[in-house]
């Protein structure tokens, strides 16, 4: 039997204040994305101002975190309407990548236009780096015992989820598919694919890497959501994450067509 054990959520306590692994890992993911994205931008876009992404990163990061939290809270509006003070408490989880992408991209476009730098060139570099950041960030879900999948048939391997974190209808099961791990591996693979595309075609096809990110991540999320059972919100029988991912897929395909054709 191979079992992925349930971890401790708290990394350490400092002056009586609990520091959670979730926060540590999310910080690592965010700063890795910023540093790698800046490096790629400097390498690919030699005609642009150096370290442009690092100069924009603070506003983009803050916008992304705000968007990620607001999006998550909107998906769980019934709870946060009666627990409004908890909206500010993100130490134990509750961030949505789709919200982070929407707010982060809007902030990036506004800032880049103000600085007279091509938004697509920045998006290309960051899209590749964000895939790497997502691969890291998904491990935050592991330490929070969230983003897990259906019970494993036979119960002879899988991710152990403590009973307090299980959905009521699955309370009799111990081992579940590690959906967070599946997505982390696929995100890492997506990073290497986009790294090759950016290096090979980044200058010729500006915007292509970003469009391919939309396509690849949409496909990854649609696949993983097939087995996840703790999605924030369903519309009918479809998780909202799959619906948003389908929109991303269409936008990515249309953008790729226009980019290559141009």
C-alpha atoms as a PDB file:
ATOM      1  CA  UNK A   1       0.000   0.000   0.000  1.00  0.00           C
ATOM      2  CA  UNK A   2       1.280   3.462  -0.961  1.00  0.00           C
ATOM      3  CA  UNK A   3      -0.304   6.301   0.978  1.00  0.00           C
ATOM      4  CA  UNK A   4       0.494  10.012   0.743  1.00  0.00           C
ATOM      5  CA  UNK A   5       0.127  11.115   4.377  1.00  0.00           C
ATOM      6  CA  UNK A   6      -1.812  14.143   5.559  1.00  0.00           C
ATOM      7  CA  UNK A   7       0.649  16.931   6.469  1.00  0.00           C
ATOM      8  CA  UNK A   8       0.630  19.518   9.208  1.00  0.00           C
ATOM      9  CA  UNK A   9      -0.852  22.799   7.992  1.00  0.00           C
ATOM     10  CA  UNK A  10       1.212  24.969  10.364  1.00  0.00           C
ATOM     11  CA  UNK A  11       4.911  25.300   9.549  1.00  0.00           C
ATOM     12  CA  UNK A  12       5.915  27.051  12.779  1.00  0.00           C
ATOM     13  CA  UNK A  13       4.735  29.592  15.341  1.00  0.00           C
ATOM     14  CA  UNK A  14       6.360  32.999  15.670  1.00  0.00           C
ATOM     15  CA  UNK A  15       5.533  35.138  18.716  1.00  0.00           C
ATOM     16  CA  UNK A  16       2.321  33.193  19.134  1.00  0.00           C
ATOM     17  CA  UNK A  17       1.343  33.707  15.489  1.00  0.00           C
ATOM     18  CA  UNK A  18       0.900  30.590  13.345  1.00  0.00           C
ATOM     19  CA  UNK A  19       2.727  30.566  10.005  1.00  0.00           C
ATOM     20  CA  UNK A  20       1.038  28.213   7.548  1.00  0.00           C
ATOM     21  CA  UNK A  21       2.737  26.139   4.878  1.00  0.00           C
ATOM     22  CA  UNK A  22       0.077  27.374   2.451  1.00  0.00           C
ATOM     23  CA  UNK A  23       1.297  30.955   2.761  1.00  0.00           C
ATOM     24  CA  UNK A  24       4.959  29.976   2.518  1.00  0.00           C
ATOM     25  CA  UNK A  25       4.402  27.932  -0.631  1.00  0.00           C
ATOM     26  CA  UNK A  26       2.218  30.586  -2.264  1.00  0.00           C
ATOM     27  CA  UNK A  27       4.913  33.188  -1.596  1.00  0.00           C
ATOM     28  CA  UNK A  28       7.493  30.871  -3.175  1.00  0.00           C
ATOM     29  CA  UNK A  29       5.249  30.351  -6.209  1.00  0.00           C
ATOM     30  CA  UNK A  30       4.617  34.074  -6.690  1.00  0.00           C
ATOM     31  CA  UNK A  31       8.245  35.166  -6.398  1.00  0.00           C
ATOM     32  CA  UNK A  32       9.447  32.278  -8.577  1.00  0.00           C
ATOM     33  CA  UNK A  33       7.014  33.371 -11.287  1.00  0.00           C
ATOM     34  CA  UNK A  34       8.201  36.985 -11.049  1.00  0.00           C
ATOM     35  CA  UNK A  35      11.909  36.144 -11.144  1.00  0.00           C
ATOM     36  CA  UNK A  36      11.661  33.543 -13.918  1.00  0.00           C
ATOM     37  CA  UNK A  37       9.317  35.760 -15.938  1.00  0.00           C
ATOM     38  CA  UNK A  38      11.728  38.685 -15.630  1.00  0.00           C
ATOM     39  CA  UNK A  39      14.665  36.494 -16.690  1.00  0.00           C
ATOM     40  CA  UNK A  40      12.788  35.221 -19.740  1.00  0.00           C
ATOM     41  CA  UNK A  41      11.683  38.735 -20.689  1.00  0.00           C
ATOM     42  CA  UNK A  42      15.278  39.992 -20.498  1.00  0.00           C
ATOM     43  CA  UNK A  43      16.538  37.075 -22.614  1.00  0.00           C
ATOM     44  CA  UNK A  44      13.860  37.181 -25.309  1.00  0.00           C
ATOM     45  CA  UNK A  45      13.057  40.904 -25.539  1.00  0.00           C
ATOM     46  CA  UNK A  46      16.484  42.494 -25.757  1.00  0.00           C
ATOM     47  CA  UNK A  47      14.958  45.549 -27.430  1.00  0.00           C
ATOM     48  CA  UNK A  48      12.931  46.354 -24.330  1.00  0.00           C
ATOM     49  CA  UNK A  49      13.902  47.933 -21.032  1.00  0.00           C
ATOM     50  CA  UNK A  50      15.671  45.486 -18.743  1.00  0.00           C
ATOM     51  CA  UNK A  51      13.885  44.187 -15.630  1.00  0.00           C
ATOM     52  CA  UNK A  52      10.547  45.565 -16.793  1.00  0.00           C
ATOM     53  CA  UNK A  53       8.637  42.715 -15.156  1.00  0.00           C
ATOM     54  CA  UNK A  54      10.306  43.219 -11.769  1.00  0.00           C
ATOM     55  CA  UNK A  55       9.338  46.886 -11.864  1.00  0.00           C
ATOM     56  CA  UNK A  56       5.701  45.952 -12.547  1.00  0.00           C
ATOM     57  CA  UNK A  57       5.620  42.890 -10.302  1.00  0.00           C
ATOM     58  CA  UNK A  58       4.474  44.483  -7.005  1.00  0.00           C
ATOM     59  CA  UNK A  59       1.269  45.922  -8.492  1.00  0.00           C
ATOM     60  CA  UNK A  60       0.591  42.802 -10.575  1.00  0.00           C
ATOM     61  CA  UNK A  61       1.125  40.521  -7.554  1.00  0.00           C
ATOM     62  CA  UNK A  62      -1.123  42.576  -5.269  1.00  0.00           C
ATOM     63  CA  UNK A  63      -3.813  42.783  -7.971  1.00  0.00           C
ATOM     64  CA  UNK A  64      -3.586  39.036  -8.547  1.00  0.00           C
ATOM     65  CA  UNK A  65      -3.921  38.207  -4.843  1.00  0.00           C
ATOM     66  CA  UNK A  66      -6.896  40.549  -4.446  1.00  0.00           C
ATOM     67  CA  UNK A  67      -8.519  39.064  -7.535  1.00  0.00           C
ATOM     68  CA  UNK A  68      -7.845  35.503  -6.418  1.00  0.00           C
ATOM     69  CA  UNK A  69      -9.448  36.145  -3.034  1.00  0.00           C
ATOM     70  CA  UNK A  70     -12.450  38.114  -4.310  1.00  0.00           C
ATOM     71  CA  UNK A  71     -13.158  35.495  -6.973  1.00  0.00           C
ATOM     72  CA  UNK A  72     -13.046  32.697  -4.390  1.00  0.00           C
ATOM     73  CA  UNK A  73     -15.286  34.620  -1.996  1.00  0.00           C
ATOM     74  CA  UNK A  74     -17.809  35.318  -4.758  1.00  0.00           C
ATOM     75  CA  UNK A  75     -17.961  31.603  -5.549  1.00  0.00           C
ATOM     76  CA  UNK A  76     -18.681  30.996  -1.862  1.00  0.00           C
ATOM     77  CA  UNK A  77     -20.872  34.052  -1.353  1.00  0.00           C
ATOM     78  CA  UNK A  78     -23.367  32.318   0.948  1.00  0.00           C
ATOM     79  CA  UNK A  79     -20.643  31.657   3.505  1.00  0.00           C
ATOM     80  CA  UNK A  80     -18.730  34.927   3.259  1.00  0.00           C
ATOM     81  CA  UNK A  81     -21.920  36.993   3.333  1.00  0.00           C
ATOM     82  CA  UNK A  82     -22.360  35.892   6.949  1.00  0.00           C
ATOM     83  CA  UNK A  83     -18.603  35.685   7.742  1.00  0.00           C
ATOM     84  CA  UNK A  84     -17.441  38.883   6.069  1.00  0.00           C
ATOM     85  CA  UNK A  85     -14.455  39.397   8.382  1.00  0.00           C
ATOM     86  CA  UNK A  86     -12.963  36.127   7.130  1.00  0.00           C
ATOM     87  CA  UNK A  87     -12.592  37.564   3.633  1.00  0.00           C
ATOM     88  CA  UNK A  88      -9.272  39.038   4.731  1.00  0.00           C
ATOM     89  CA  UNK A  89      -8.005  35.749   6.195  1.00  0.00           C
ATOM     90  CA  UNK A  90      -6.152  33.915   3.428  1.00  0.00           C
ATOM     91  CA  UNK A  91      -3.657  32.052   5.621  1.00  0.00           C
ATOM     92  CA  UNK A  92      -5.633  28.803   5.471  1.00  0.00           C
ATOM     93  CA  UNK A  93      -6.425  28.891   1.766  1.00  0.00           C
ATOM     94  CA  UNK A  94      -9.141  30.346  -0.409  1.00  0.00           C
ATOM     95  CA  UNK A  95      -7.387  31.704  -3.503  1.00  0.00           C
ATOM     96  CA  UNK A  96      -8.554  31.059  -7.056  1.00  0.00           C
ATOM     97  CA  UNK A  97      -6.097  31.002  -9.947  1.00  0.00           C
ATOM     98  CA  UNK A  98      -8.789  32.185 -12.364  1.00  0.00           C
ATOM     99  CA  UNK A  99      -9.390  35.319 -10.275  1.00  0.00           C
ATOM    100  CA  UNK A 100      -5.650  35.924 -10.039  1.00  0.00           C
ATOM    101  CA  UNK A 101      -5.291  35.647 -13.819  1.00  0.00           C
ATOM    102  CA  UNK A 102      -8.146  38.040 -14.570  1.00  0.00           C
ATOM    103  CA  UNK A 103      -7.056  40.788 -12.165  1.00  0.00           C
ATOM    104  CA  UNK A 104      -3.345  40.254 -12.784  1.00  0.00           C
ATOM    105  CA  UNK A 105      -3.704  40.476 -16.569  1.00  0.00           C
ATOM    106  CA  UNK A 106      -5.839  43.617 -16.353  1.00  0.00           C
ATOM    107  CA  UNK A 107      -3.265  45.269 -14.083  1.00  0.00           C
ATOM    108  CA  UNK A 108      -0.433  44.154 -16.359  1.00  0.00           C
ATOM    109  CA  UNK A 109      -2.072  45.576 -19.485  1.00  0.00           C
ATOM    110  CA  UNK A 110      -2.745  48.913 -17.815  1.00  0.00           C
ATOM    111  CA  UNK A 111       0.785  49.246 -16.438  1.00  0.00           C
ATOM    112  CA  UNK A 112       2.534  48.134 -19.611  1.00  0.00           C
ATOM    113  CA  UNK A 113       0.572  50.585 -21.756  1.00  0.00           C
ATOM    114  CA  UNK A 114       1.450  53.339 -19.304  1.00  0.00           C
ATOM    115  CA  UNK A 115       5.139  52.425 -19.624  1.00  0.00           C
ATOM    116  CA  UNK A 116       4.791  52.052 -23.411  1.00  0.00           C
ATOM    117  CA  UNK A 117       5.902  48.411 -23.391  1.00  0.00           C
ATOM    118  CA  UNK A 118       4.135  45.698 -25.405  1.00  0.00           C
ATOM    119  CA  UNK A 119       1.671  43.908 -23.069  1.00  0.00           C
ATOM    120  CA  UNK A 120       1.912  40.766 -25.204  1.00  0.00           C
ATOM    121  CA  UNK A 121       5.688  40.541 -24.792  1.00  0.00           C
ATOM    122  CA  UNK A 122       5.278  40.679 -21.015  1.00  0.00           C
ATOM    123  CA  UNK A 123       2.374  38.232 -21.101  1.00  0.00           C
ATOM    124  CA  UNK A 124       4.440  35.763 -23.132  1.00  0.00           C
ATOM    125  CA  UNK A 125       7.249  35.697 -20.571  1.00  0.00           C
ATOM    126  CA  UNK A 126       4.953  35.665 -17.556  1.00  0.00           C
ATOM    127  CA  UNK A 127       2.663  32.990 -18.981  1.00  0.00           C
ATOM    128  CA  UNK A 128       5.585  30.598 -19.188  1.00  0.00           C
ATOM    129  CA  UNK A 129       6.769  31.508 -15.681  1.00  0.00           C
ATOM    130  CA  UNK A 130       3.277  31.326 -14.172  1.00  0.00           C
ATOM    131  CA  UNK A 131       3.017  27.680 -15.220  1.00  0.00           C
ATOM    132  CA  UNK A 132       6.080  26.991 -13.074  1.00  0.00           C
ATOM    133  CA  UNK A 133       4.597  29.000 -10.231  1.00  0.00           C
ATOM    134  CA  UNK A 134       1.353  27.044 -10.442  1.00  0.00           C
ATOM    135  CA  UNK A 135       3.261  23.757 -10.277  1.00  0.00           C
ATOM    136  CA  UNK A 136       4.779  24.970  -7.009  1.00  0.00           C
ATOM    137  CA  UNK A 137       1.620  26.590  -5.675  1.00  0.00           C
ATOM    138  CA  UNK A 138      -0.505  23.457  -5.967  1.00  0.00           C
ATOM    139  CA  UNK A 139       1.508  21.996  -3.090  1.00  0.00           C
ATOM    140  CA  UNK A 140      -0.118  24.601  -0.880  1.00  0.00           C
ATOM    141  CA  UNK A 141      -3.368  22.721  -1.470  1.00  0.00           C
ATOM    142  CA  UNK A 142      -1.674  19.563  -0.230  1.00  0.00           C
ATOM    143  CA  UNK A 143      -0.810  21.146   3.105  1.00  0.00           C
ATOM    144  CA  UNK A 144      -4.405  22.353   3.434  1.00  0.00           C
ATOM    145  CA  UNK A 145      -5.860  18.927   2.529  1.00  0.00           C
ATOM    146  CA  UNK A 146      -7.815  20.443  -0.354  1.00  0.00           C
ATOM    147  CA  UNK A 147      -8.011  20.104  -4.140  1.00  0.00           C
ATOM    148  CA  UNK A 148      -8.384  16.337  -3.851  1.00  0.00           C
ATOM    149  CA  UNK A 149     -10.230  13.957  -6.125  1.00  0.00           C
ATOM    150  CA  UNK A 150     -12.600  11.043  -5.980  1.00  0.00           C
ATOM    151  CA  UNK A 151     -11.975   8.128  -3.605  1.00  0.00           C
ATOM    152  CA  UNK A 152      -9.474   5.630  -4.976  1.00  0.00           C
ATOM    153  CA  UNK A 153     -10.987   2.291  -5.954  1.00  0.00           C
ATOM    154  CA  UNK A 154      -9.806  -0.475  -3.657  1.00  0.00           C
ATOM    155  CA  UNK A 155      -8.435   2.015  -1.130  1.00  0.00           C
ATOM    156  CA  UNK A 156      -4.951   0.510  -1.449  1.00  0.00           C
ATOM    157  CA  UNK A 157      -3.166   3.711  -2.442  1.00  0.00           C
ATOM    158  CA  UNK A 158      -3.829   7.425  -2.618  1.00  0.00           C
ATOM    159  CA  UNK A 159      -3.878  10.676  -0.667  1.00  0.00           C
ATOM    160  CA  UNK A 160      -5.068  10.403   2.917  1.00  0.00           C
ATOM    161  CA  UNK A 161      -7.599  13.103   3.777  1.00  0.00           C
ATOM    162  CA  UNK A 162      -8.444  13.622   7.478  1.00  0.00           C
ATOM    163  CA  UNK A 163     -12.128  13.115   8.206  1.00  0.00           C
ATOM    164  CA  UNK A 164     -12.722  16.786   9.069  1.00  0.00           C
ATOM    165  CA  UNK A 165     -11.750  17.766   5.521  1.00  0.00           C
ATOM    166  CA  UNK A 166     -13.860  15.159   3.719  1.00  0.00           C
ATOM    167  CA  UNK A 167     -17.161  15.921   2.086  1.00  0.00           C
ATOM    168  CA  UNK A 168     -20.045  14.330   3.971  1.00  0.00           C
ATOM    169  CA  UNK A 169     -20.918  11.872   1.208  1.00  0.00           C
ATOM    170  CA  UNK A 170     -17.334  10.548   1.205  1.00  0.00           C
ATOM    171  CA  UNK A 171     -16.774  10.409   4.955  1.00  0.00           C
ATOM    172  CA  UNK A 172     -16.383   6.603   4.916  1.00  0.00           C
ATOM    173  CA  UNK A 173     -13.399   6.759   2.562  1.00  0.00           C
ATOM    174  CA  UNK A 174      -9.805   7.408   3.628  1.00  0.00           C
ATOM    175  CA  UNK A 175      -7.810   7.585   0.383  1.00  0.00           C
ATOM    176  CA  UNK A 176      -8.490   9.938  -2.518  1.00  0.00           C
ATOM    177  CA  UNK A 177      -6.925  10.839  -5.850  1.00  0.00           C
ATOM    178  CA  UNK A 178      -4.217  13.509  -5.308  1.00  0.00           C
ATOM    179  CA  UNK A 179      -5.708  15.938  -7.830  1.00  0.00           C
ATOM    180  CA  UNK A 180      -3.330  18.671  -6.664  1.00  0.00           C
ATOM    181  CA  UNK A 181      -0.379  16.448  -7.621  1.00  0.00           C
ATOM    182  CA  UNK A 182      -1.800  15.610 -11.038  1.00  0.00           C
ATOM    183  CA  UNK A 183      -2.198  19.298 -11.835  1.00  0.00           C
ATOM    184  CA  UNK A 184       1.234  20.164 -10.436  1.00  0.00           C
ATOM    185  CA  UNK A 185       2.889  17.619 -12.751  1.00  0.00           C
ATOM    186  CA  UNK A 186       0.878  18.790 -15.765  1.00  0.00           C
ATOM    187  CA  UNK A 187       1.670  22.449 -14.985  1.00  0.00           C
ATOM    188  CA  UNK A 188       5.376  21.607 -14.841  1.00  0.00           C
ATOM    189  CA  UNK A 189       5.096  19.899 -18.226  1.00  0.00           C
ATOM    190  CA  UNK A 190       3.285  22.989 -19.544  1.00  0.00           C
ATOM    191  CA  UNK A 191       6.180  25.156 -18.367  1.00  0.00           C
ATOM    192  CA  UNK A 192       8.689  23.176 -20.417  1.00  0.00           C
ATOM    193  CA  UNK A 193       6.435  23.276 -23.482  1.00  0.00           C
ATOM    194  CA  UNK A 194       6.011  27.044 -23.258  1.00  0.00           C
ATOM    195  CA  UNK A 195       9.695  27.556 -22.512  1.00  0.00           C
ATOM    196  CA  UNK A 196      10.525  25.842 -25.816  1.00  0.00           C
ATOM    197  CA  UNK A 197       7.869  27.827 -27.698  1.00  0.00           C
ATOM    198  CA  UNK A 198       9.013  31.140 -26.204  1.00  0.00           C
ATOM    199  CA  UNK A 199      12.668  30.448 -26.955  1.00  0.00           C
ATOM    200  CA  UNK A 200      11.996  29.164 -30.486  1.00  0.00           C
ATOM    201  CA  UNK A 201       9.171  31.436 -31.658  1.00  0.00           C
ATOM    202  CA  UNK A 202       8.914  34.213 -29.060  1.00  0.00           C
ATOM    203  CA  UNK A 203      10.283  37.006 -31.230  1.00  0.00           C
ATOM    204  CA  UNK A 204       8.568  35.968 -34.429  1.00  0.00           C
ATOM    205  CA  UNK A 205       5.110  35.331 -32.975  1.00  0.00           C
ATOM    206  CA  UNK A 206       4.503  37.813 -30.162  1.00  0.00           C
ATOM    207  CA  UNK A 207       1.516  36.674 -28.108  1.00  0.00           C
ATOM    208  CA  UNK A 208       1.720  33.028 -29.167  1.00  0.00           C
ATOM    209  CA  UNK A 209       3.144  31.792 -25.865  1.00  0.00           C
ATOM    210  CA  UNK A 210       0.379  33.509 -23.888  1.00  0.00           C
ATOM    211  CA  UNK A 211      -2.327  32.086 -26.151  1.00  0.00           C
ATOM    212  CA  UNK A 212      -0.861  28.600 -25.813  1.00  0.00           C
ATOM    213  CA  UNK A 213      -0.853  29.046 -22.042  1.00  0.00           C
ATOM    214  CA  UNK A 214      -4.590  29.729 -22.161  1.00  0.00           C
ATOM    215  CA  UNK A 215      -5.106  26.600 -24.249  1.00  0.00           C
ATOM    216  CA  UNK A 216      -2.879  24.282 -22.221  1.00  0.00           C
ATOM    217  CA  UNK A 217      -4.031  25.392 -18.801  1.00  0.00           C
ATOM    218  CA  UNK A 218      -7.674  25.240 -19.885  1.00  0.00           C
ATOM    219  CA  UNK A 219      -7.193  21.636 -21.028  1.00  0.00           C
ATOM    220  CA  UNK A 220      -5.319  20.727 -17.839  1.00  0.00           C
ATOM    221  CA  UNK A 221      -8.000  22.227 -15.610  1.00  0.00           C
ATOM    222  CA  UNK A 222     -10.863  20.638 -17.545  1.00  0.00           C
ATOM    223  CA  UNK A 223      -9.191  17.220 -17.187  1.00  0.00           C
ATOM    224  CA  UNK A 224      -8.364  17.578 -13.481  1.00  0.00           C
ATOM    225  CA  UNK A 225     -11.826  18.915 -12.627  1.00  0.00           C
ATOM    226  CA  UNK A 226     -13.262  15.635 -13.905  1.00  0.00           C
ATOM    227  CA  UNK A 227     -12.034  13.913 -10.751  1.00  0.00           C
ATOM    228  CA  UNK A 228     -12.071  16.776  -8.222  1.00  0.00           C
ATOM    229  CA  UNK A 229     -14.907  16.659  -5.726  1.00  0.00           C
ATOM    230  CA  UNK A 230     -14.264  19.857  -3.763  1.00  0.00           C
ATOM    231  CA  UNK A 231     -14.876  22.427  -6.484  1.00  0.00           C
ATOM    232  CA  UNK A 232     -15.963  25.811  -5.149  1.00  0.00           C
ATOM    233  CA  UNK A 233     -19.149  26.076  -7.204  1.00  0.00           C
ATOM    234  CA  UNK A 234     -21.104  24.055  -9.751  1.00  0.00           C
ATOM    235  CA  UNK A 235     -23.485  25.439 -12.332  1.00  0.00           C
ATOM    236  CA  UNK A 236     -25.785  22.539 -13.014  1.00  0.00           C
ATOM    237  CA  UNK A 237     -23.485  19.538 -13.242  1.00  0.00           C
ATOM    238  CA  UNK A 238     -20.452  21.535 -14.407  1.00  0.00           C
ATOM    239  CA  UNK A 239     -17.881  23.075 -12.044  1.00  0.00           C
ATOM    240  CA  UNK A 240     -17.471  26.810 -12.651  1.00  0.00           C
ATOM    241  CA  UNK A 241     -13.747  26.140 -13.150  1.00  0.00           C
ATOM    242  CA  UNK A 242     -14.531  24.020 -16.215  1.00  0.00           C
ATOM    243  CA  UNK A 243     -16.802  26.709 -17.654  1.00  0.00           C
ATOM    244  CA  UNK A 244     -14.177  29.433 -17.204  1.00  0.00           C
ATOM    245  CA  UNK A 245     -11.544  27.069 -18.622  1.00  0.00           C
ATOM    246  CA  UNK A 246     -13.701  26.476 -21.693  1.00  0.00           C
ATOM    247  CA  UNK A 247     -13.831  30.247 -22.251  1.00  0.00           C
ATOM    248  CA  UNK A 248     -10.033  30.393 -21.859  1.00  0.00           C
ATOM    249  CA  UNK A 249      -9.680  27.590 -24.395  1.00  0.00           C
ATOM    250  CA  UNK A 250     -11.756  29.424 -26.996  1.00  0.00           C
ATOM    251  CA  UNK A 251      -9.885  32.699 -26.409  1.00  0.00           C
ATOM    252  CA  UNK A 252      -6.557  30.877 -26.678  1.00  0.00           C
ATOM    253  CA  UNK A 253      -7.500  29.160 -29.929  1.00  0.00           C
ATOM    254  CA  UNK A 254      -8.781  32.372 -31.503  1.00  0.00           C
ATOM    255  CA  UNK A 255      -5.702  34.276 -30.312  1.00  0.00           C
ATOM    256  CA  UNK A 256      -3.353  31.615 -31.670  1.00  0.00           C
ATOM    257  CA  UNK A 257      -5.071  31.718 -35.069  1.00  0.00           C
ATOM    258  CA  UNK A 258      -4.764  35.503 -35.298  1.00  0.00           C
ATOM    259  CA  UNK A 259      -1.163  35.496 -34.046  1.00  0.00           C
ATOM    260  CA  UNK A 260       0.095  32.881 -36.489  1.00  0.00           C
ATOM    261  CA  UNK A 261      -1.932  34.327 -39.380  1.00  0.00           C
ATOM    262  CA  UNK A 262      -0.558  37.818 -38.720  1.00  0.00           C
END
